[in-house]
Amino acid sequence: MNYLEITNEVLVRMREEEVTSVSDPENDPQQKLVCKFVNDAKALVERAHTWNALRKSWVIDLAQDVNRYRLTGNVEQSTIYLVRYQNGRIMSEVNGIKMEAQPTQKGTPVYYAPKTVANNNVEINVFPTPDESFGGTGGVYEYGNTDRSINLPPSAATARFGQASKFGSPDKDLLVFGYGQPPMMKLDDDLLLVPQEPVIHYTLAYAQRERGEAGGQASAEVFAMAKQYLSDAISRDVENSKLEYVWEAV
């Protein structure tokens, strides 16, 4: 569902008039509040679980003397679970503080640490700093998207693992796998990626609590329904990747 559809789903349940656009200045205060509550509910649901729908992948084109890379794209508050070279060699995550304590060293990066956040985008540091054998642009690309400052070859945008061999090589380009929370919805057609039922009902619960009534339901009842919808949605999502929740000795 998109932003406008979710907003109107809630307004109908509140016995309010539907809106033709979430950004229409003629919307009344109650309608504008519901638009705000949709994003509040969206953020709550997105942060409640590592949803499969929010998995993200990036290609890092390592460049000489560049040891910090920002995971750009249409995401915020990214979390990382794997970094590897395109040839399959896995990078090891290390303590960021200990990495800073190491003397400057150049070579082929073997360690990484997600140490900083800039403009809601996670930045990762690599160690050692890439040496002169790395002649890349230092670009970071979300699969299927391009950084506006750099032209990404079509093959890199469409390949299963974002193969970036045309501007790097399998042993010099990193693949980063993780999760990323999308930014707030602003336009009518902005799509919701996580399950819609908990978002709709948490929005309704927020609106009901603010107004004091929503179709005769008490605030506690609406929140309980929303919580149940969220719990059910998480259970279904976990079932699609259940092996990731099995602890194994290493």
C-alpha atoms as a PDB file:
ATOM      1  CA  MET A   1       0.000   0.000   0.000  1.00  0.00           C
ATOM      2  CA  ASN A   2       1.109   3.574  -0.525  1.00  0.00           C
ATOM      3  CA  TYR A   3       1.040   6.539   1.848  1.00  0.00           C
ATOM      4  CA  LEU A   4      -2.300   7.882   0.590  1.00  0.00           C
ATOM      5  CA  GLU A   5      -4.034   4.490   0.737  1.00  0.00           C
ATOM      6  CA  ILE A   6      -2.904   3.832   4.310  1.00  0.00           C
ATOM      7  CA  THR A   7      -4.009   7.296   5.413  1.00  0.00           C
ATOM      8  CA  ASN A   8      -7.480   6.811   3.941  1.00  0.00           C
ATOM      9  CA  GLU A   9      -7.788   3.318   5.439  1.00  0.00           C
ATOM     10  CA  VAL A  10      -7.365   4.901   8.858  1.00  0.00           C
ATOM     11  CA  LEU A  11      -9.648   7.863   8.137  1.00  0.00           C
ATOM     12  CA  VAL A  12     -12.470   5.542   7.062  1.00  0.00           C
ATOM     13  CA  ARG A  13     -12.140   3.621  10.331  1.00  0.00           C
ATOM     14  CA  MET A  14     -12.374   6.941  12.159  1.00  0.00           C
ATOM     15  CA  ARG A  15     -15.504   7.913  10.164  1.00  0.00           C
ATOM     16  CA  GLU A  16     -13.639  10.874   8.705  1.00  0.00           C
ATOM     17  CA  GLU A  17     -13.567  12.107   5.122  1.00  0.00           C
ATOM     18  CA  GLU A  18     -10.867  10.621   2.932  1.00  0.00           C
ATOM     19  CA  VAL A  19      -8.173  12.885   1.489  1.00  0.00           C
ATOM     20  CA  THR A  20      -7.161  13.254  -2.140  1.00  0.00           C
ATOM     21  CA  SER A  21      -3.547  13.959  -1.203  1.00  0.00           C
ATOM     22  CA  VAL A  22      -1.545  13.740   2.011  1.00  0.00           C
ATOM     23  CA  SER A  23       0.021  17.106   1.204  1.00  0.00           C
ATOM     24  CA  ASP A  24      -3.206  18.963   0.380  1.00  0.00           C
ATOM     25  CA  PRO A  25      -3.133  22.227   2.400  1.00  0.00           C
ATOM     26  CA  GLU A  26      -6.926  22.037   2.636  1.00  0.00           C
ATOM     27  CA  ASN A  27      -6.781  18.899   4.778  1.00  0.00           C
ATOM     28  CA  ASP A  28      -8.308  19.534   8.193  1.00  0.00           C
ATOM     29  CA  PRO A  29      -6.250  19.189  11.409  1.00  0.00           C
ATOM     30  CA  GLN A  30      -7.502  15.655  12.090  1.00  0.00           C
ATOM     31  CA  GLN A  31      -6.524  14.501   8.611  1.00  0.00           C
ATOM     32  CA  LYS A  32      -3.097  16.096   8.936  1.00  0.00           C
ATOM     33  CA  LEU A  33      -2.572  14.360  12.272  1.00  0.00           C
ATOM     34  CA  VAL A  34      -3.397  10.991  10.748  1.00  0.00           C
ATOM     35  CA  CYS A  35      -0.773  11.632   8.050  1.00  0.00           C
ATOM     36  CA  LYS A  36       1.786  12.227  10.811  1.00  0.00           C
ATOM     37  CA  PHE A  37       0.669   9.182  12.789  1.00  0.00           C
ATOM     38  CA  VAL A  38       1.127   6.944   9.727  1.00  0.00           C
ATOM     39  CA  ASN A  39       4.845   7.713   9.750  1.00  0.00           C
ATOM     40  CA  ASP A  40       5.013   7.235  13.521  1.00  0.00           C
ATOM     41  CA  ALA A  41       3.419   3.797  13.165  1.00  0.00           C
ATOM     42  CA  LYS A  42       5.636   2.956  10.198  1.00  0.00           C
ATOM     43  CA  ALA A  43       8.786   3.738  12.206  1.00  0.00           C
ATOM     44  CA  LEU A  44       7.584   1.669  15.169  1.00  0.00           C
ATOM     45  CA  VAL A  45       6.849  -1.385  13.018  1.00  0.00           C
ATOM     46  CA  GLU A  46      10.083  -1.122  11.017  1.00  0.00           C
ATOM     47  CA  ARG A  47      12.189  -1.019  14.190  1.00  0.00           C
ATOM     48  CA  ALA A  48      10.353  -3.904  15.846  1.00  0.00           C
ATOM     49  CA  HIS A  49      12.004  -6.582  13.711  1.00  0.00           C
ATOM     50  CA  THR A  50      14.654  -7.196  11.045  1.00  0.00           C
ATOM     51  CA  TRP A  51      12.137  -7.552   8.231  1.00  0.00           C
ATOM     52  CA  ASN A  52      13.135  -9.483   5.133  1.00  0.00           C
ATOM     53  CA  ALA A  53      11.559  -6.681   3.091  1.00  0.00           C
ATOM     54  CA  LEU A  54      14.121  -4.233   4.503  1.00  0.00           C
ATOM     55  CA  ARG A  55      17.203  -6.212   3.479  1.00  0.00           C
ATOM     56  CA  LYS A  56      19.652  -4.031   1.597  1.00  0.00           C
ATOM     57  CA  SER A  57      22.821  -4.665  -0.364  1.00  0.00           C
ATOM     58  CA  TRP A  58      25.558  -2.287  -1.443  1.00  0.00           C
ATOM     59  CA  VAL A  59      28.630  -2.404  -3.649  1.00  0.00           C
ATOM     60  CA  ILE A  60      31.663  -0.497  -2.361  1.00  0.00           C
ATOM     61  CA  ASP A  61      34.183   0.398  -5.024  1.00  0.00           C
ATOM     62  CA  LEU A  62      37.319   0.595  -2.861  1.00  0.00           C
ATOM     63  CA  ALA A  63      39.643   3.455  -3.772  1.00  0.00           C
ATOM     64  CA  GLN A  64      43.246   4.258  -2.945  1.00  0.00           C
ATOM     65  CA  ASP A  65      43.741   6.081   0.383  1.00  0.00           C
ATOM     66  CA  VAL A  66      39.996   6.026   1.180  1.00  0.00           C
ATOM     67  CA  ASN A  67      39.184   4.093   4.345  1.00  0.00           C
ATOM     68  CA  ARG A  68      35.675   5.369   5.134  1.00  0.00           C
ATOM     69  CA  TYR A  69      32.560   4.667   3.057  1.00  0.00           C
ATOM     70  CA  ARG A  70      28.998   5.820   3.606  1.00  0.00           C
ATOM     71  CA  LEU A  71      26.155   3.389   2.857  1.00  0.00           C
ATOM     72  CA  THR A  72      24.105   5.724   0.743  1.00  0.00           C
ATOM     73  CA  GLY A  73      20.744   5.116  -0.903  1.00  0.00           C
ATOM     74  CA  ASN A  74      17.120   5.420   0.121  1.00  0.00           C
ATOM     75  CA  VAL A  75      17.746   4.116   3.646  1.00  0.00           C
ATOM     76  CA  GLU A  76      18.318   5.313   7.190  1.00  0.00           C
ATOM     77  CA  GLN A  77      19.697   3.618  10.295  1.00  0.00           C
ATOM     78  CA  SER A  78      21.296   0.740   8.407  1.00  0.00           C
ATOM     79  CA  THR A  79      22.540  -2.372  10.185  1.00  0.00           C
ATOM     80  CA  ILE A  80      25.155  -4.683   8.650  1.00  0.00           C
ATOM     81  CA  TYR A  81      25.402  -8.442   8.975  1.00  0.00           C
ATOM     82  CA  LEU A  82      28.007  -9.352   6.330  1.00  0.00           C
ATOM     83  CA  VAL A  83      30.777  -7.688   4.345  1.00  0.00           C
ATOM     84  CA  ARG A  84      32.735  -9.612   1.736  1.00  0.00           C
ATOM     85  CA  TYR A  85      34.674  -9.169  -1.468  1.00  0.00           C
ATOM     86  CA  GLN A  86      32.924 -10.088  -4.693  1.00  0.00           C
ATOM     87  CA  ASN A  87      35.270 -13.062  -5.005  1.00  0.00           C
ATOM     88  CA  GLY A  88      33.762 -14.496  -1.805  1.00  0.00           C
ATOM     89  CA  ARG A  89      36.463 -13.582   0.726  1.00  0.00           C
ATOM     90  CA  ILE A  90      34.771 -12.425   3.922  1.00  0.00           C
ATOM     91  CA  MET A  91      35.848  -9.300   5.811  1.00  0.00           C
ATOM     92  CA  SER A  92      36.134  -9.610   9.593  1.00  0.00           C
ATOM     93  CA  GLU A  93      34.358  -7.097  11.825  1.00  0.00           C
ATOM     94  CA  VAL A  94      36.508  -5.583  14.563  1.00  0.00           C
ATOM     95  CA  ASN A  95      36.141  -3.175  17.443  1.00  0.00           C
ATOM     96  CA  GLY A  96      36.110   0.363  16.019  1.00  0.00           C
ATOM     97  CA  ILE A  97      38.040   1.814  18.947  1.00  0.00           C
ATOM     98  CA  LYS A  98      40.801  -0.749  18.562  1.00  0.00           C
ATOM     99  CA  MET A  99      40.905  -0.030  14.849  1.00  0.00           C
ATOM    100  CA  GLU A 100      41.535   3.654  15.584  1.00  0.00           C
ATOM    101  CA  ALA A 101      44.394   2.676  17.899  1.00  0.00           C
ATOM    102  CA  GLN A 102      46.237   0.868  15.109  1.00  0.00           C
ATOM    103  CA  PRO A 103      49.079   2.692  13.338  1.00  0.00           C
ATOM    104  CA  THR A 104      48.433   3.843   9.791  1.00  0.00           C
ATOM    105  CA  GLN A 105      48.863   0.981   7.395  1.00  0.00           C
ATOM    106  CA  LYS A 106      48.179   0.522   3.702  1.00  0.00           C
ATOM    107  CA  GLY A 107      47.395  -2.651   1.844  1.00  0.00           C
ATOM    108  CA  THR A 108      44.397  -4.839   1.045  1.00  0.00           C
ATOM    109  CA  PRO A 109      41.582  -4.264   3.591  1.00  0.00           C
ATOM    110  CA  VAL A 110      40.738  -7.321   5.690  1.00  0.00           C
ATOM    111  CA  TYR A 111      38.815  -5.720   8.569  1.00  0.00           C
ATOM    112  CA  TYR A 112      35.841  -3.381   8.824  1.00  0.00           C
ATOM    113  CA  ALA A 113      33.986  -1.531  11.550  1.00  0.00           C
ATOM    114  CA  PRO A 114      30.690   0.407  11.288  1.00  0.00           C
ATOM    115  CA  LYS A 115      31.827   3.309  13.446  1.00  0.00           C
ATOM    116  CA  THR A 116      30.012   6.482  12.472  1.00  0.00           C
ATOM    117  CA  VAL A 117      26.689   7.800  11.182  1.00  0.00           C
ATOM    118  CA  ALA A 118      26.338  10.808   8.871  1.00  0.00           C
ATOM    119  CA  ASN A 119      22.962  12.149   7.722  1.00  0.00           C
ATOM    120  CA  ASN A 120      21.338   8.980   9.102  1.00  0.00           C
ATOM    121  CA  ASN A 121      23.585   6.826   6.890  1.00  0.00           C
ATOM    122  CA  VAL A 122      26.002   4.348   8.452  1.00  0.00           C
ATOM    123  CA  GLU A 123      29.667   4.701   7.520  1.00  0.00           C
ATOM    124  CA  ILE A 124      32.078   1.805   7.642  1.00  0.00           C
ATOM    125  CA  ASN A 125      35.836   2.032   8.038  1.00  0.00           C
ATOM    126  CA  VAL A 126      38.165  -0.528   6.482  1.00  0.00           C
ATOM    127  CA  PHE A 127      41.666  -1.527   7.588  1.00  0.00           C
ATOM    128  CA  PRO A 128      44.305  -1.437   6.241  1.00  0.00           C
ATOM    129  CA  THR A 129      43.665   1.632   4.092  1.00  0.00           C
ATOM    130  CA  PRO A 130      43.515   0.632   0.391  1.00  0.00           C
ATOM    131  CA  ASP A 131      46.906   1.076  -1.266  1.00  0.00           C
ATOM    132  CA  GLU A 132      47.873   2.088  -4.791  1.00  0.00           C
ATOM    133  CA  SER A 133      46.619  -1.210  -6.234  1.00  0.00           C
ATOM    134  CA  PHE A 134      43.079   0.093  -5.716  1.00  0.00           C
ATOM    135  CA  GLY A 135      42.159   2.541  -8.436  1.00  0.00           C
ATOM    136  CA  GLY A 136      38.417   2.776  -7.820  1.00  0.00           C
ATOM    137  CA  THR A 137      36.190   5.807  -7.476  1.00  0.00           C
ATOM    138  CA  GLY A 138      35.319   5.274  -3.835  1.00  0.00           C
ATOM    139  CA  GLY A 139      31.645   5.000  -4.805  1.00  0.00           C
ATOM    140  CA  VAL A 140      28.985   3.163  -2.814  1.00  0.00           C
ATOM    141  CA  TYR A 141      25.964   1.836  -4.676  1.00  0.00           C
ATOM    142  CA  GLU A 142      22.757   0.344  -3.400  1.00  0.00           C
ATOM    143  CA  TYR A 143      21.785  -2.573  -5.638  1.00  0.00           C
ATOM    144  CA  GLY A 144      19.379  -1.369  -8.282  1.00  0.00           C
ATOM    145  CA  ASN A 145      20.138   2.281  -7.539  1.00  0.00           C
ATOM    146  CA  THR A 146      22.920   4.681  -8.396  1.00  0.00           C
ATOM    147  CA  ASP A 147      24.710   7.340  -6.473  1.00  0.00           C
ATOM    148  CA  ARG A 148      23.891  10.558  -8.344  1.00  0.00           C
ATOM    149  CA  SER A 149      27.532  11.588  -8.388  1.00  0.00           C
ATOM    150  CA  ILE A 150      28.739   8.483 -10.221  1.00  0.00           C
ATOM    151  CA  ASN A 151      27.467   6.630 -13.288  1.00  0.00           C
ATOM    152  CA  LEU A 152      26.910   2.975 -12.458  1.00  0.00           C
ATOM    153  CA  PRO A 153      27.171   0.491 -15.350  1.00  0.00           C
ATOM    154  CA  PRO A 154      23.772  -1.122 -16.132  1.00  0.00           C
ATOM    155  CA  SER A 155      25.195  -4.584 -15.475  1.00  0.00           C
ATOM    156  CA  ALA A 156      26.066  -3.578 -11.916  1.00  0.00           C
ATOM    157  CA  ALA A 157      22.540  -2.365 -11.241  1.00  0.00           C
ATOM    158  CA  THR A 158      20.838  -5.517 -12.491  1.00  0.00           C
ATOM    159  CA  ALA A 159      23.143  -8.394 -11.623  1.00  0.00           C
ATOM    160  CA  ARG A 160      22.160 -10.656  -8.717  1.00  0.00           C
ATOM    161  CA  PHE A 161      25.091  -9.571  -6.570  1.00  0.00           C
ATOM    162  CA  GLY A 162      25.561  -6.158  -8.113  1.00  0.00           C
ATOM    163  CA  GLN A 163      28.668  -7.214 -10.003  1.00  0.00           C
ATOM    164  CA  ALA A 164      30.778  -4.112 -10.387  1.00  0.00           C
ATOM    165  CA  SER A 165      33.629  -5.507 -12.451  1.00  0.00           C
ATOM    166  CA  LYS A 166      33.401  -2.709 -15.022  1.00  0.00           C
ATOM    167  CA  PHE A 167      34.555  -0.131 -12.492  1.00  0.00           C
ATOM    168  CA  GLY A 168      36.576  -2.406 -10.245  1.00  0.00           C
ATOM    169  CA  SER A 169      37.275  -6.111  -9.924  1.00  0.00           C
ATOM    170  CA  PRO A 170      35.998  -9.089  -7.892  1.00  0.00           C
ATOM    171  CA  ASP A 171      38.923  -8.855  -5.483  1.00  0.00           C
ATOM    172  CA  LYS A 172      38.698  -5.073  -5.047  1.00  0.00           C
ATOM    173  CA  ASP A 173      34.952  -4.418  -4.721  1.00  0.00           C
ATOM    174  CA  LEU A 174      33.117  -5.097  -1.471  1.00  0.00           C
ATOM    175  CA  LEU A 175      29.576  -6.379  -1.101  1.00  0.00           C
ATOM    176  CA  VAL A 176      27.781  -5.186   2.016  1.00  0.00           C
ATOM    177  CA  PHE A 177      24.625  -6.927   3.230  1.00  0.00           C
ATOM    178  CA  GLY A 178      22.316  -5.570   5.905  1.00  0.00           C
ATOM    179  CA  TYR A 179      19.017  -3.895   6.699  1.00  0.00           C
ATOM    180  CA  GLY A 180      17.968  -0.313   6.146  1.00  0.00           C
ATOM    181  CA  GLN A 181      14.951   1.601   7.415  1.00  0.00           C
ATOM    182  CA  PRO A 182      13.380   3.712   4.638  1.00  0.00           C
ATOM    183  CA  PRO A 183      12.955   7.448   5.335  1.00  0.00           C
ATOM    184  CA  MET A 184       9.620   8.982   6.248  1.00  0.00           C
ATOM    185  CA  MET A 185       6.922   8.778   3.595  1.00  0.00           C
ATOM    186  CA  LYS A 186       6.169  12.181   2.063  1.00  0.00           C
ATOM    187  CA  LEU A 187       4.469  11.620  -1.282  1.00  0.00           C
ATOM    188  CA  ASP A 188       1.112   9.991  -1.986  1.00  0.00           C
ATOM    189  CA  ASP A 189       2.745   7.151  -3.933  1.00  0.00           C
ATOM    190  CA  ASP A 190       5.492   6.366  -1.413  1.00  0.00           C
ATOM    191  CA  LEU A 191       5.200   2.648  -0.735  1.00  0.00           C
ATOM    192  CA  LEU A 192       5.129   0.887   2.613  1.00  0.00           C
ATOM    193  CA  LEU A 193       7.554  -2.044   2.607  1.00  0.00           C
ATOM    194  CA  VAL A 194       6.621  -3.658   5.925  1.00  0.00           C
ATOM    195  CA  PRO A 195       3.258  -5.387   6.640  1.00  0.00           C
ATOM    196  CA  GLN A 196       0.348  -2.971   6.410  1.00  0.00           C
ATOM    197  CA  GLU A 197      -1.995  -4.308   9.123  1.00  0.00           C
ATOM    198  CA  PRO A 198       0.129  -3.330  12.144  1.00  0.00           C
ATOM    199  CA  VAL A 199       0.886   0.079  10.607  1.00  0.00           C
ATOM    200  CA  ILE A 200      -2.807   0.784   9.982  1.00  0.00           C
ATOM    201  CA  HIS A 201      -3.865  -0.266  13.460  1.00  0.00           C
ATOM    202  CA  TYR A 202      -1.048   1.519  15.283  1.00  0.00           C
ATOM    203  CA  THR A 203      -1.951   4.652  13.327  1.00  0.00           C
ATOM    204  CA  LEU A 204      -5.578   4.192  14.348  1.00  0.00           C
ATOM    205  CA  ALA A 205      -4.518   3.679  17.968  1.00  0.00           C
ATOM    206  CA  TYR A 206      -2.465   6.886  17.977  1.00  0.00           C
ATOM    207  CA  ALA A 207      -5.341   8.825  16.420  1.00  0.00           C
ATOM    208  CA  GLN A 208      -7.870   7.318  18.811  1.00  0.00           C
ATOM    209  CA  ARG A 209      -5.730   8.190  21.834  1.00  0.00           C
ATOM    210  CA  GLU A 210      -5.412  11.783  20.620  1.00  0.00           C
ATOM    211  CA  ARG A 211      -9.120  12.191  19.843  1.00  0.00           C
ATOM    212  CA  GLY A 212     -10.516   9.980  22.572  1.00  0.00           C
ATOM    213  CA  GLU A 213     -12.766   7.863  20.321  1.00  0.00           C
ATOM    214  CA  ALA A 214     -12.587   5.739  17.181  1.00  0.00           C
ATOM    215  CA  GLY A 215     -15.618   3.716  16.208  1.00  0.00           C
ATOM    216  CA  GLY A 216     -16.504   3.042  19.826  1.00  0.00           C
ATOM    217  CA  GLN A 217     -13.249   1.229  20.592  1.00  0.00           C
ATOM    218  CA  ALA A 218     -11.251   2.018  23.707  1.00  0.00           C
ATOM    219  CA  SER A 219      -7.631   3.070  23.281  1.00  0.00           C
ATOM    220  CA  ALA A 220      -6.294   0.002  25.088  1.00  0.00           C
ATOM    221  CA  GLU A 221      -8.298  -2.289  22.823  1.00  0.00           C
ATOM    222  CA  VAL A 222      -6.955  -0.692  19.633  1.00  0.00           C
ATOM    223  CA  PHE A 223      -3.366  -0.872  20.874  1.00  0.00           C
ATOM    224  CA  ALA A 224      -3.873  -4.536  21.810  1.00  0.00           C
ATOM    225  CA  MET A 225      -5.154  -5.280  18.308  1.00  0.00           C
ATOM    226  CA  ALA A 226      -2.189  -3.484  16.757  1.00  0.00           C
ATOM    227  CA  LYS A 227       0.242  -5.407  18.955  1.00  0.00           C
ATOM    228  CA  GLN A 228      -1.344  -8.702  17.911  1.00  0.00           C
ATOM    229  CA  TYR A 229      -1.156  -7.762  14.231  1.00  0.00           C
ATOM    230  CA  LEU A 230       2.522  -6.918  14.701  1.00  0.00           C
ATOM    231  CA  SER A 231       3.248 -10.161  16.514  1.00  0.00           C
ATOM    232  CA  ASP A 232       1.540 -12.209  13.800  1.00  0.00           C
ATOM    233  CA  ALA A 233       3.389 -10.347  11.041  1.00  0.00           C
ATOM    234  CA  ILE A 234       6.759 -10.967  12.712  1.00  0.00           C
ATOM    235  CA  SER A 235       5.948 -14.669  13.088  1.00  0.00           C
ATOM    236  CA  ARG A 236       5.155 -14.963   9.387  1.00  0.00           C
ATOM    237  CA  ASP A 237       8.324 -13.069   8.435  1.00  0.00           C
ATOM    238  CA  VAL A 238      10.517 -15.230  10.658  1.00  0.00           C
ATOM    239  CA  GLU A 239       9.068 -18.341   9.019  1.00  0.00           C
ATOM    240  CA  ASN A 240      10.509 -17.172   5.693  1.00  0.00           C
ATOM    241  CA  SER A 241      14.040 -17.079   7.119  1.00  0.00           C
ATOM    242  CA  LYS A 242      13.745 -19.418  10.092  1.00  0.00           C
ATOM    243  CA  LEU A 243      17.213 -20.937   9.710  1.00  0.00           C
ATOM    244  CA  GLU A 244      18.726 -17.536  10.530  1.00  0.00           C
ATOM    245  CA  TYR A 245      17.184 -17.803  14.003  1.00  0.00           C
ATOM    246  CA  VAL A 246      18.807 -21.157  14.811  1.00  0.00           C
ATOM    247  CA  TRP A 247      21.833 -20.754  17.042  1.00  0.00           C
ATOM    248  CA  GLU A 248      24.854 -22.747  15.972  1.00  0.00           C
ATOM    249  CA  ALA A 249      28.216 -23.313  17.669  1.00  0.00           C
ATOM    250  CA  VAL A 250      31.150 -21.872  15.750  1.00  0.00           C
END
